[in-house]
Protein backbone atom coordinates (compact mmCIF):
# COMPACT_ATOMS: atom_id res chain seq x y z
CA MET A 1 11.90 15.97 -9.69
CA LYS A 2 8.97 13.68 -9.55
CA ILE A 3 8.88 10.92 -7.03
CA LEU A 4 6.59 7.65 -7.39
CA ASP A 5 5.26 6.66 -4.14
CA LEU A 6 4.35 2.98 -3.75
CA THR A 7 4.56 3.05 0.19
CA SER A 8 0.93 2.89 2.31
CA PHE A 9 1.94 6.29 4.28
CA LEU A 10 5.68 7.38 3.54
CA LYS A 11 4.99 10.64 5.60
CA PHE A 12 4.00 8.78 8.87
CA GLU A 13 6.63 5.58 8.37
CA ASN A 14 9.56 7.50 7.51
CA ARG A 15 9.30 11.01 8.10
CA ALA A 16 12.44 12.00 7.53
CA LEU A 17 12.88 10.21 4.30
CA PHE A 18 9.23 12.17 3.14
CA GLU A 19 11.22 15.79 4.11
CA SER A 20 13.86 14.70 1.86
CA PHE A 21 11.99 15.11 -0.90
CA CYS A 22 9.72 17.99 0.25
CA ASP A 23 11.08 20.09 -2.55
CA ASP A 24 9.89 17.24 -5.02
CA GLU A 25 6.48 16.31 -6.49
CA ILE A 26 5.33 12.88 -5.26
CA LEU A 27 2.33 11.07 -6.74
CA THR A 28 1.63 8.57 -3.94
CA ILE A 29 -0.74 5.30 -4.46
CA SER A 30 -1.85 3.43 -1.32
CA PRO A 31 -4.51 1.39 -0.05
CA LEU A 32 -4.83 4.36 3.18
CA LEU A 33 -7.33 6.96 2.63
CA SER A 34 -5.57 9.61 3.28
CA ALA A 35 -4.82 13.25 1.91
CA SER A 36 -1.14 12.40 1.15
CA ALA A 37 -2.79 9.44 -1.23
CA LYS A 38 -3.67 11.12 -4.80
CA ILE A 39 -4.65 7.57 -5.97
CA HIS A 40 -6.32 4.94 -4.12
CA CYS A 41 -6.20 1.48 -4.00
CA GLU A 42 -7.42 -1.86 -2.83
CA ILE A 43 -5.66 -3.93 0.02
CA GLY A 44 -2.63 -6.12 -2.42
CA ALA A 45 -3.43 -3.95 -5.60
CA LEU A 46 -0.22 -2.59 -6.00
CA SER A 47 0.60 -5.41 -8.68
CA TYR A 48 -2.24 -4.94 -10.87
CA VAL A 49 -1.95 -0.81 -10.95
CA LEU A 50 1.72 -1.75 -11.69
CA ALA A 51 0.45 -3.89 -14.56
CA MET A 52 -2.04 -1.11 -15.71
CA ILE A 53 0.44 1.24 -15.82
CA CYS A 54 3.06 -1.28 -18.31
CA VAL A 55 -0.01 -1.67 -20.30
CA GLY A 56 -0.53 1.95 -20.65
CA LEU A 57 3.33 2.15 -21.49
CA ASN A 58 3.67 -0.77 -23.54
CA LEU A 59 6.20 -2.23 -21.64
CA GLY A 60 6.51 -6.28 -22.91
CA ASP A 61 3.78 -8.34 -24.95
CA ASP A 62 2.69 -10.13 -21.98
CA VAL A 63 1.34 -7.19 -20.53
CA LEU A 64 -0.46 -6.66 -23.93
CA SER A 65 -2.93 -9.48 -23.45
CA LEU A 66 -3.91 -8.66 -19.47
CA ASP A 67 -7.35 -8.19 -18.74
CA VAL A 68 -7.17 -4.32 -18.12
CA ALA A 69 -11.05 -3.98 -17.15
CA TYR A 70 -10.80 -6.50 -14.59
CA PHE A 71 -7.68 -5.16 -13.03
CA SER A 72 -9.46 -1.83 -13.00
CA GLY A 73 -12.55 -2.84 -11.28
CA GLU A 74 -10.56 -5.18 -8.48
CA SER A 75 -7.99 -2.42 -7.62
CA ASN A 76 -10.51 0.31 -7.75
CA VAL A 77 -8.11 2.52 -9.98
CA GLY A 78 -10.18 3.83 -12.92
CA GLU A 79 -8.50 4.70 -16.36
CA GLU A 80 -8.99 8.26 -16.04
CA GLU A 81 -6.56 7.96 -12.69
CA ILE A 82 -4.12 5.54 -14.99
CA ASP A 83 -3.71 8.23 -17.50
CA GLU A 84 -2.65 10.44 -14.62
CA ILE A 85 -0.04 8.22 -13.65
CA LEU A 86 1.10 7.73 -16.70
CA ASP A 87 1.58 11.51 -17.67
CA PHE A 88 3.51 11.87 -14.48
CA ILE A 89 5.54 8.36 -14.77
CA ARG A 90 7.29 9.59 -17.82
CA GLU A 91 9.29 12.10 -15.84
CA ILE A 92 9.99 10.02 -12.37
CA ASP A 93 13.42 10.24 -10.47
CA THR A 94 12.76 7.91 -7.76
CA ILE A 95 10.32 4.92 -7.40
CA ILE A 96 9.66 4.29 -3.32
CA VAL A 97 8.68 1.03 -2.30
CA ASP A 98 7.44 -0.85 0.97
CA GLU A 99 9.35 -3.60 0.95
CA ASN A 100 6.88 -5.52 3.48
CA LEU A 101 3.81 -4.82 0.51
CA ILE A 102 6.09 -6.56 -1.99
CA LYS A 103 6.50 -9.53 0.26
CA PHE A 104 3.13 -10.88 0.91
CA ASP A 105 1.95 -9.51 -2.09
CA GLU A 106 -0.43 -12.37 -4.03
CA ASN A 107 2.00 -11.69 -7.51
CA ARG A 108 4.52 -10.88 -5.30
CA ALA A 109 6.98 -12.35 -8.18
CA ASN A 110 5.05 -10.10 -10.88
CA PHE A 111 5.29 -7.07 -8.89
CA GLU A 112 9.08 -6.99 -8.67
CA ILE A 113 9.30 -7.44 -12.72
CA LEU A 114 6.91 -4.82 -13.20
CA LEU A 115 9.19 -2.46 -11.02
CA ALA A 116 11.88 -3.53 -13.20
CA ARG A 117 10.30 -2.53 -16.22
CA LEU A 118 9.21 0.90 -15.17
CA ALA A 119 12.65 1.81 -13.40
CA LYS A 120 14.51 0.63 -16.71
CA PHE A 121 11.74 3.01 -18.72
CA SER A 122 12.18 6.40 -16.51
CA ASN A 123 15.46 5.89 -15.56
CA ALA A 124 14.58 5.99 -12.33
CA LYS A 125 16.43 4.64 -9.31
CA ILE A 126 14.08 2.49 -6.66
CA ILE A 127 14.76 2.31 -2.80
CA ASN A 128 12.68 0.86 0.18
CA LEU A 129 11.62 3.20 3.13
CA LYS A 130 15.01 3.03 4.94
CA GLY A 131 16.65 5.04 1.60
CA GLU A 132 18.42 2.06 0.44
CA ILE A 133 18.43 1.21 -3.15
CA CYS A 134 16.54 -1.84 -4.38
CA ASN A 135 17.28 -3.57 -7.43
CA PHE A 136 14.37 -6.36 -8.86
CA THR A 137 15.08 -8.24 -12.39
CA ASN A 138 13.03 -8.22 -15.60
CA GLY A 139 11.33 -11.09 -17.02
CA ASP A 140 8.41 -12.76 -18.01
CA LEU A 141 5.42 -12.46 -15.77
CA SER A 142 3.03 -15.47 -14.33
CA GLU A 143 -0.21 -15.67 -14.47
CA PHE A 144 -1.70 -13.22 -11.40
CA SER A 145 -3.36 -14.76 -8.90
CA PRO A 146 -7.14 -12.99 -7.16
CA LEU A 147 -6.57 -10.71 -4.91
CA GLN A 148 -6.93 -11.56 -1.16
CA ASN A 149 -10.76 -10.42 0.43
CA TYR A 150 -10.47 -7.42 2.66
CA ASP A 151 -13.87 -7.10 3.17
CA GLY A 152 -14.37 -6.13 7.01
CA ALA A 153 -12.53 -4.56 9.98
CA VAL A 154 -8.51 -3.95 8.66
CA VAL A 155 -5.90 -2.63 11.03
CA PHE A 156 -2.52 -1.27 9.14
CA LYS A 157 0.26 -2.32 11.77
CA HIS A 158 3.20 -0.02 12.34
CA THR A 159 5.80 0.55 14.74
CA GLN A 160 5.80 4.02 15.23
CA ASN A 161 3.51 4.33 18.38
CA SER A 162 1.78 1.94 20.32
CA ASP A 163 -2.10 3.49 19.31
CA PHE A 164 -4.90 1.75 18.24
CA ILE A 165 -6.64 4.54 16.60
CA GLY A 166 -9.65 4.34 13.75
CA GLY A 167 -12.68 6.59 12.05
CA LYS A 168 -16.25 6.14 11.99
CA TYR A 169 -16.54 3.81 9.38
CA PHE A 170 -14.03 1.17 11.64
CA CYS A 171 -16.63 2.30 14.39
CA ALA A 172 -19.88 1.31 13.09
CA ILE A 173 -18.38 -2.34 11.56
CA THR A 174 -16.68 -3.07 14.99
CA LYS A 175 -19.06 -1.33 16.99
CA LEU A 176 -15.93 0.15 19.19
CA HIS A 177 -15.97 3.92 20.86
CA ASP A 178 -13.91 5.92 22.24
CA LYS A 179 -11.82 4.63 24.89
CA SER A 180 -12.90 1.23 24.19
CA LEU A 181 -11.32 -1.78 25.33
CA ALA A 182 -10.91 -4.31 22.69
CA GLN A 183 -9.45 -7.56 21.80
CA ILE A 184 -7.37 -7.51 18.19
CA SER A 185 -7.55 -11.04 16.73
CA THR A 186 -5.53 -11.43 13.49
CA ASN A 187 -2.96 -14.30 11.82
CA SER A 188 -0.46 -13.13 13.70
CA ILE A 189 -1.67 -11.04 16.83
CA ASN A 190 -4.17 -11.73 19.62
CA LEU A 191 -3.92 -9.12 22.03
CA GLN A 192 -5.92 -6.05 23.91
CA ARG A 193 -5.64 -2.74 23.56
CA ASN A 194 -7.75 0.68 24.28
CA PHE A 195 -9.43 2.17 21.42
CA GLY A 196 -8.84 6.05 20.36
CA PHE A 197 -11.64 7.33 17.60
CA ASP A 198 -10.08 9.81 15.08
CA GLU A 199 -12.39 11.60 13.17
CA SER A 200 -9.88 12.52 10.68
CA ILE A 201 -9.19 8.81 9.81
CA ARG A 202 -11.20 7.49 6.38
CA GLY A 203 -12.27 4.28 5.83
CA THR A 204 -12.84 1.03 7.42
CA ILE A 205 -8.62 0.59 8.09
CA ALA A 206 -7.51 1.64 12.02
CA PHE A 207 -3.88 2.04 12.86
CA LEU A 208 -2.49 -0.20 15.44
CA GLY A 209 0.83 0.75 16.70
CA LEU A 210 3.43 -2.21 17.82
CA GLN A 211 6.17 -0.31 18.72
CA ASP A 212 7.85 -2.83 21.09
CA SER A 213 7.13 -5.83 18.34
CA PRO A 214 10.47 -7.01 16.51
CA ASN A 215 8.70 -9.63 14.19
CA LEU A 216 6.44 -6.76 12.73
CA ALA A 217 8.84 -7.94 9.04
CA ASN A 218 7.82 -11.19 9.38
CA SER A 219 3.73 -10.66 8.51
CA PRO A 220 1.87 -8.62 6.45
CA LYS A 221 1.30 -5.00 7.61
CA PHE A 222 -2.64 -4.92 6.38
CA GLU A 223 -4.47 -7.98 7.96
CA LEU A 224 -8.21 -8.26 8.32
CA ALA A 225 -9.27 -8.16 12.38
CA LYS A 226 -11.48 -10.14 14.12
CA ILE A 227 -12.19 -7.11 16.78
CA GLU A 228 -14.41 -7.57 20.11
CA ALA A 229 -15.08 -5.02 22.46
CA LYS A 230 -14.33 -6.14 26.57
């Protein structure tokens, strides 16, 4: 089977679900720079990427009027990458989505409509990170909103552990060093954590574990952060 993965980091967030597809071919589109992400896009740009896919597949008269060049530039996904996705998506069996990414997407309604069209085109089921079936309704697209600006230090919030780790580019922006005590402030959190340097993490996004936070679903997983070394 072929699987289209629209989660941030499936292997990390639900290893059991990932391993259930270990014998399948997975194409991952993610804002996180990792070995598993075949296609890397900007944070919040998944709806733009889906729109470009639907244009390529001619899934509706309303998508044909969209500015593909603009979406490509804003999402940082080139036409050659879209061609690769198109070749793959014609035979997919399953689309895995992260409902948190949809919930806080600037273009949530369009995101859901585009997912419905792709699922119908490929005769694929849509499941979330819990492995549950998701149903989205097709309809008319509305005008797309611009993406939020994520220039600066960004944290990816998760519940797998309580670690705060990042790579060299995050360190360059924040001036943090391994074992630094940091004050982390976003729109949803304000806390202190010891920072851990991890050379394998690329890009300006750090991983922030909030294992004991019951309200993580009520805020976006990716947030711009003000970081101060203490």
